[in-house]
Structure formats: C-alpha cells, structure tokens
Amino acid sequence: MHLVLQFDPACVEAWSDQEVAERWNRLFPQAKMNEAQQAARINAWLARDGKIANMRERLASVSESLVGRSTRSARCKYKRRRATSDRVQRRSSSGMNEAAVCSR
C-alpha cells in the first residue's frame, strides 16, 4: 500500500498555538489519558516557552519524517523476510519437513 501526501508547510504556520498542540496530541497520544488529562497536557505545552514553536516546526517537516519511517520499515521487512527465507532453506536442507517449518 502506498500513501500519497500533499503537504503545505505554510498551512502549519496559519494554525493557532492551540491547534498545533491539539494536532500534536492526536499524532502522539498518551495511552489511557482521559479528556481532562489531555487538556491539562495541552495547557502545559502552551505554557512552556518555545514548546509550540518546536512542535510547529516538527509538524511542518512531518512529511520528511514519514518518508524516513516508511523507508526504514521497508528495509526492516525486507531483512525479516530474507532472514526467514534463509532459516527455512537451512532447515529444509537439514532434512526437516518444509511444511512444518513454514507453519509458524
């Protein structure tokens, strides 16, 4: 599956500080936080000098991050697939039943 993103960093600049914090919270949620805890988390970010500017900058470059992440994921899947294939071949050549090896 491929995902095509159209990204406009200038759009991020138009967001309010509140919107930046809310989007960041949706992108990187904390497990098991209720709405009040999420609101407190957002308010804490808004109170910290430079925090929203940092989030805004990172959200503006999220496309670069996604490309890097997908590339690393593809490499990892390739390595796993290759390692599994090598393991199956080693076991097959050692006389094990190939169907039993592949049934994991």
Protein backbone atom coordinates (compact mmCIF):
# COMPACT_ATOMS: atom_id res chain seq x y z
CA MET A 1 0.00 0.00 0.00
CA HIS A 2 1.22 3.48 -0.86
CA LEU A 3 0.03 6.73 0.63
CA VAL A 4 0.48 9.97 -1.28
CA LEU A 5 0.55 13.11 0.82
CA GLN A 6 0.25 16.65 -0.38
CA PHE A 7 1.95 18.79 2.18
CA ASP A 8 1.96 22.56 2.59
CA PRO A 9 4.27 23.76 5.41
CA ALA A 10 2.77 27.27 5.13
CA CYS A 11 -0.55 25.80 6.25
CA VAL A 12 1.05 24.82 9.57
CA GLU A 13 2.12 28.42 10.11
CA ALA A 14 -1.52 29.50 9.88
CA TRP A 15 -2.61 27.21 12.74
CA SER A 16 -3.17 28.73 16.16
CA ASP A 17 -0.96 27.58 19.04
CA GLN A 18 -3.96 25.69 20.44
CA GLU A 19 -4.49 23.88 17.13
CA VAL A 20 -0.80 22.94 16.89
CA ALA A 21 -0.92 21.46 20.41
CA GLU A 22 -4.15 19.56 19.69
CA ARG A 23 -2.80 18.12 16.45
CA TRP A 24 0.42 17.12 18.21
CA ASN A 25 -1.62 15.42 20.92
CA ARG A 26 -3.56 13.45 18.28
CA LEU A 27 -0.36 12.50 16.49
CA PHE A 28 1.47 11.41 19.66
CA PRO A 29 -1.22 10.39 22.18
CA GLN A 30 -0.50 9.14 25.67
CA ALA A 31 -2.10 5.82 26.48
CA LYS A 32 -5.11 5.84 28.78
CA MET A 33 -5.48 9.60 29.17
CA ASN A 34 -8.98 10.94 29.68
CA GLU A 35 -10.11 14.23 28.14
CA ALA A 36 -9.26 16.27 31.25
CA GLN A 37 -5.73 14.85 31.32
CA GLN A 38 -5.29 15.56 27.61
CA ALA A 39 -6.48 19.15 28.13
CA ALA A 40 -4.02 19.56 31.03
CA ARG A 41 -1.23 18.18 28.85
CA ILE A 42 -2.07 20.65 26.07
CA ASN A 43 -2.25 23.56 28.54
CA ALA A 44 1.16 22.59 29.94
CA TRP A 45 2.61 22.70 26.43
CA LEU A 46 1.03 26.09 25.79
CA ALA A 47 2.60 27.45 28.99
CA ARG A 48 6.15 26.34 28.07
CA ASP A 49 8.27 28.83 26.15
CA GLY A 50 9.31 27.51 22.76
CA LYS A 51 7.40 24.24 23.02
CA ILE A 52 4.71 25.15 20.47
CA ALA A 53 7.30 26.61 18.09
CA ASN A 54 9.20 23.32 18.26
CA MET A 55 6.00 21.33 17.62
CA ARG A 56 5.05 23.62 14.74
CA GLU A 57 8.47 23.15 13.13
CA ARG A 58 8.31 19.39 13.52
CA LEU A 59 4.75 19.21 12.17
CA ALA A 60 5.86 21.27 9.18
CA SER A 61 8.52 18.66 8.41
CA VAL A 62 6.37 15.62 9.15
CA SER A 63 6.48 14.55 5.51
CA GLU A 64 10.25 14.06 5.78
CA SER A 65 9.72 12.03 8.92
CA LEU A 66 7.10 9.83 7.25
CA VAL A 67 9.35 9.16 4.28
CA GLY A 68 12.22 8.16 6.56
CA ARG A 69 9.98 5.96 8.69
CA SER A 70 8.46 4.16 5.69
CA THR A 71 11.91 3.57 4.20
CA ARG A 72 13.22 2.11 7.46
CA SER A 73 10.09 -0.04 7.76
CA ALA A 74 10.53 -1.37 4.23
CA ARG A 75 14.19 -2.22 4.91
CA CYS A 76 13.25 -3.96 8.15
CA LYS A 77 10.52 -6.03 6.43
CA TYR A 78 12.98 -7.00 3.70
CA LYS A 79 15.57 -8.10 6.26
CA ARG A 80 12.97 -10.13 8.20
CA ARG A 81 11.68 -11.75 5.02
CA ARG A 82 15.20 -12.61 3.93
CA ALA A 83 16.15 -13.98 7.36
CA THR A 84 13.01 -16.13 7.42
CA SER A 85 13.74 -17.40 3.92
CA ASP A 86 17.33 -18.25 4.89
CA ARG A 87 16.10 -20.05 8.02
CA VAL A 88 13.58 -22.10 6.01
CA GLN A 89 16.27 -23.06 3.49
CA ARG A 90 18.70 -24.10 6.24
CA ARG A 91 16.04 -26.22 7.94
CA SER A 92 14.91 -27.73 4.62
CA SER A 93 18.44 -28.72 3.72
CA SER A 94 18.84 -30.30 7.15
CA GLY A 95 16.08 -32.79 6.37
CA MET A 96 13.17 -31.17 8.21
CA ASN A 97 9.75 -31.21 6.63
CA GLU A 98 9.36 -27.83 4.89
CA ALA A 99 5.64 -27.67 5.61
CA ALA A 100 6.32 -27.96 9.32
CA VAL A 101 8.88 -25.15 9.17
CA CYS A 102 6.53 -22.82 7.31
CA SER A 103 3.51 -23.47 9.51
CA ARG A 104 4.59 -20.95 12.17
